C-alpha atoms as a PDB file:
ATOM      1  CA  MET A   1       0.000   0.000   0.000  1.00  0.00           C
ATOM      2  CA  VAL A   2       1.295   3.448  -0.910  1.00  0.00           C
ATOM      3  CA  ALA A   3       2.204   5.459   2.199  1.00  0.00           C
ATOM      4  CA  ASN A   4      -0.330   8.243   1.659  1.00  0.00           C
ATOM      5  CA  GLU A   5      -3.014   6.264  -0.180  1.00  0.00           C
ATOM      6  CA  ARG A   6      -6.473   6.195   1.388  1.00  0.00           C
ATOM      7  CA  ARG A   7      -7.974   2.775   1.897  1.00  0.00           C
ATOM      8  CA  PRO A   8     -11.244   1.637   3.476  1.00  0.00           C
ATOM      9  CA  HIS A   9     -11.108   0.111   6.967  1.00  0.00           C
ATOM     10  CA  LEU A  10     -13.693  -1.394   9.262  1.00  0.00           C
ATOM     11  CA  LEU A  11     -13.468  -0.190  12.869  1.00  0.00           C
ATOM     12  CA  ALA A  12     -15.405  -2.079  15.531  1.00  0.00           C
ATOM     13  CA  TYR A  13     -15.330  -1.786  19.290  1.00  0.00           C
ATOM     14  CA  ASP A  14     -16.710  -3.248  22.500  1.00  0.00           C
ATOM     15  CA  ILE A  15     -16.233  -0.796  25.360  1.00  0.00           C
ATOM     16  CA  SER A  16     -17.256  -1.738  28.902  1.00  0.00           C
ATOM     17  CA  ASN A  17     -17.518   1.767  30.418  1.00  0.00           C
ATOM     18  CA  PRO A  18     -20.115   4.339  29.216  1.00  0.00           C
ATOM     19  CA  ARG A  19     -17.721   7.280  29.564  1.00  0.00           C
ATOM     20  CA  ARG A  20     -14.991   5.562  27.528  1.00  0.00           C
ATOM     21  CA  LEU A  21     -17.634   4.353  25.064  1.00  0.00           C
ATOM     22  CA  TYR A  22     -18.726   7.949  24.444  1.00  0.00           C
ATOM     23  CA  ARG A  23     -15.139   9.106  23.915  1.00  0.00           C
ATOM     24  CA  VAL A  24     -14.284   6.300  21.488  1.00  0.00           C
ATOM     25  CA  ALA A  25     -17.556   6.868  19.607  1.00  0.00           C
ATOM     26  CA  LYS A  26     -16.687  10.558  19.278  1.00  0.00           C
ATOM     27  CA  ILE A  27     -13.242   9.727  17.859  1.00  0.00           C
ATOM     28  CA  SER A  28     -14.768   7.157  15.489  1.00  0.00           C
ATOM     29  CA  THR A  29     -17.442   9.523  14.140  1.00  0.00           C
ATOM     30  CA  THR A  30     -14.759  12.140  13.515  1.00  0.00           C
ATOM     31  CA  TRP A  31     -12.939   9.758  11.187  1.00  0.00           C
ATOM     32  CA  GLY A  32     -15.664   7.572   9.719  1.00  0.00           C
ATOM     33  CA  LEU A  33     -19.232   6.723   8.918  1.00  0.00           C
ATOM     34  CA  ARG A  34     -21.217   4.791  11.523  1.00  0.00           C
ATOM     35  CA  VAL A  35     -22.836   1.720   9.948  1.00  0.00           C
ATOM     36  CA  GLN A  36     -23.982   0.134  13.215  1.00  0.00           C
ATOM     37  CA  TYR A  37     -23.814   1.224  16.856  1.00  0.00           C
ATOM     38  CA  SER A  38     -20.166   0.207  17.330  1.00  0.00           C
ATOM     39  CA  ILE A  39     -19.047  -0.317  13.732  1.00  0.00           C
ATOM     40  CA  PHE A  40     -17.615   2.320  11.392  1.00  0.00           C
ATOM     41  CA  ILE A  41     -16.258   2.488   7.861  1.00  0.00           C
ATOM     42  CA  LEU A  42     -13.159   4.683   7.590  1.00  0.00           C
ATOM     43  CA  TRP A  43     -11.366   5.807   4.416  1.00  0.00           C
ATOM     44  CA  ILE A  44      -7.904   6.607   5.748  1.00  0.00           C
ATOM     45  CA  THR A  45      -4.174   6.633   5.052  1.00  0.00           C
ATOM     46  CA  PRO A  46      -1.724   4.554   7.124  1.00  0.00           C
ATOM     47  CA  ALA A  47      -0.674   7.725   8.977  1.00  0.00           C
ATOM     48  CA  GLN A  48      -4.302   8.516   9.800  1.00  0.00           C
ATOM     49  CA  ARG A  49      -4.815   4.923  10.981  1.00  0.00           C
ATOM     50  CA  ASP A  50      -1.849   5.313  13.345  1.00  0.00           C
ATOM     51  CA  LYS A  51      -3.285   8.603  14.631  1.00  0.00           C
ATOM     52  CA  ILE A  52      -6.701   7.010  15.259  1.00  0.00           C
ATOM     53  CA  ILE A  53      -5.061   4.115  17.106  1.00  0.00           C
ATOM     54  CA  ALA A  54      -3.116   6.549  19.311  1.00  0.00           C
ATOM     55  CA  GLU A  55      -6.267   8.590  20.040  1.00  0.00           C
ATOM     56  CA  ILE A  56      -8.272   5.493  20.951  1.00  0.00           C
ATOM     57  CA  GLU A  57      -5.456   3.935  23.014  1.00  0.00           C
ATOM     58  CA  SER A  58      -5.393   7.052  25.177  1.00  0.00           C
ATOM     59  CA  GLU A  59      -9.100   6.589  26.006  1.00  0.00           C
ATOM     60  CA  ILE A  60      -9.552   2.852  26.600  1.00  0.00           C
ATOM     61  CA  ASN A  61      -8.754   0.268  29.250  1.00  0.00           C
ATOM     62  CA  PRO A  62      -6.947  -2.529  27.357  1.00  0.00           C
ATOM     63  CA  ALA A  63      -7.847  -5.039  30.060  1.00  0.00           C
ATOM     64  CA  THR A  64     -11.602  -4.660  29.481  1.00  0.00           C
ATOM     65  CA  ASP A  65     -12.119  -2.921  26.116  1.00  0.00           C
ATOM     66  CA  ASP A  66     -11.742  -4.376  22.616  1.00  0.00           C
ATOM     67  CA  ILE A  67     -10.974  -2.305  19.496  1.00  0.00           C
ATOM     68  CA  ARG A  68     -10.477  -3.794  16.045  1.00  0.00           C
ATOM     69  CA  ILE A  69      -9.487  -2.097  12.801  1.00  0.00           C
ATOM     70  CA  TYR A  70      -9.526  -4.228   9.668  1.00  0.00           C
ATOM     71  CA  PRO A  71      -8.280  -3.051   6.247  1.00  0.00           C
ATOM     72  CA  LEU A  72     -10.804  -3.663   3.468  1.00  0.00           C
ATOM     73  CA  PRO A  73     -10.336  -4.072  -0.276  1.00  0.00           C
ATOM     74  CA  LYS A  74     -10.833  -0.818  -2.201  1.00  0.00           C
ATOM     75  CA  LYS A  75     -13.846  -2.217  -4.046  1.00  0.00           C
ATOM     76  CA  ALA A  76     -15.529  -4.018  -1.184  1.00  0.00           C
ATOM     77  CA  GLU A  77     -19.004  -5.423  -1.721  1.00  0.00           C
ATOM     78  CA  TRP A  78     -21.495  -6.114   1.033  1.00  0.00           C
ATOM     79  CA  THR A  79     -24.999  -7.374   1.594  1.00  0.00           C
ATOM     80  CA  HIS A  80     -27.424  -5.566   3.863  1.00  0.00           C
ATOM     81  CA  ILE A  81     -30.369  -7.413   5.432  1.00  0.00           C
ATOM     82  CA  GLY A  82     -32.788  -5.783   7.867  1.00  0.00           C
ATOM     83  CA  ARG A  83     -33.765  -2.235   8.670  1.00  0.00           C
ATOM     84  CA  ALA A  84     -32.573   0.616   6.491  1.00  0.00           C
ATOM     85  CA  PRO A  85     -28.958   1.708   7.022  1.00  0.00           C
ATOM     86  CA  LEU A  86     -30.034   5.369   6.705  1.00  0.00           C
ATOM     87  CA  ALA A  87     -33.316   7.106   7.376  1.00  0.00           C
ATOM     88  CA  THR A  88     -35.611   7.439   4.374  1.00  0.00           C
ATOM     89  CA  GLY A  89     -34.758  10.631   2.547  1.00  0.00           C
ATOM     90  CA  ALA A  90     -31.304  10.948   4.155  1.00  0.00           C
ATOM     91  CA  THR A  91     -28.549  12.310   1.937  1.00  0.00           C
ATOM     92  CA  LEU A  92     -25.112  10.730   1.946  1.00  0.00           C
ATOM     93  CA  TYR A  93     -22.286  12.656   0.323  1.00  0.00           C
ATOM     94  CA  THR A  94     -19.604  10.725  -1.498  1.00  0.00           C
ATOM     95  CA  ARG A  95     -16.286  11.394  -3.190  1.00  0.00           C
ATOM     96  CA  GLY A  96     -15.854   8.365  -5.398  1.00  0.00           C
ATOM     97  CA  GLU A  97     -16.105   5.382  -3.063  1.00  0.00           C
ATOM     98  CA  TYR A  98     -15.536   7.467   0.090  1.00  0.00           C
ATOM     99  CA  GLN A  99     -18.549   7.956   2.323  1.00  0.00           C
ATOM    100  CA  LEU A 100     -18.443  11.264   4.162  1.00  0.00           C
ATOM    101  CA  GLY A 101     -19.570  11.771   7.752  1.00  0.00           C
ATOM    102  CA  LYS A 102     -21.151  15.016   8.989  1.00  0.00           C
ATOM    103  CA  GLN A 103     -17.823  16.362  10.249  1.00  0.00           C
ATOM    104  CA  GLU A 104     -16.412  16.272   6.736  1.00  0.00           C
ATOM    105  CA  LEU A 105     -19.311  17.924   4.935  1.00  0.00           C
ATOM    106  CA  SER A 106     -17.696  21.321   5.448  1.00  0.00           C
ATOM    107  CA  ASP A 107     -14.818  20.052   3.281  1.00  0.00           C
ATOM    108  CA  ILE A 108     -17.199  20.095   0.330  1.00  0.00           C
ATOM    109  CA  GLN A 109     -17.352  23.872   0.452  1.00  0.00           C
ATOM    110  CA  ASN A 110     -13.651  24.329   1.231  1.00  0.00           C
ATOM    111  CA  ASN A 111     -12.252  21.813  -1.260  1.00  0.00           C
ATOM    112  CA  PRO A 112     -14.660  21.022  -4.097  1.00  0.00           C
ATOM    113  CA  GLU A 113     -12.094  18.969  -6.073  1.00  0.00           C
ATOM    114  CA  PRO A 114     -12.622  16.165  -6.915  1.00  0.00           C
ATOM    115  CA  PRO A 115     -16.348  16.728  -7.430  1.00  0.00           C
ATOM    116  CA  PHE A 116     -18.726  15.489  -4.800  1.00  0.00           C
ATOM    117  CA  GLN A 117     -22.085  13.973  -5.479  1.00  0.00           C
ATOM    118  CA  ALA A 118     -25.096  13.581  -3.222  1.00  0.00           C
ATOM    119  CA  ILE A 119     -26.878  10.239  -3.048  1.00  0.00           C
ATOM    120  CA  ASP A 120     -30.396  10.280  -1.651  1.00  0.00           C
ATOM    121  CA  TYR A 121     -31.238   7.062   0.149  1.00  0.00           C
ATOM    122  CA  GLU A 122     -34.743   5.699  -0.282  1.00  0.00           C
ATOM    123  CA  ALA A 123     -35.684   2.508   1.554  1.00  0.00           C
END
């Protein structure tokens, strides 16, 4: 993998303390898109992955908490069964394959290249 190349990752956690859970969730939503309560998709470089790991390590208790970050193939496919992943009518902004979280939406105005597109989700 190229040193500064973004790649999708799956981040999942099991945190035993509500305060630590909140802090790790806040870090995770800063970097990625929540797909389930404790599971996120991140599109990050190796340096960003190392930064996320350092941020999370400073918040958890390694004896009781479990964090996992798995690299994914660039063109990952998945199957969704069950309730809708987004609310009906929700808009998800993408840059190519990269799903943007709310924190990154301001980047659209500040850095419009490459072009962004909005995808409206209908159940």
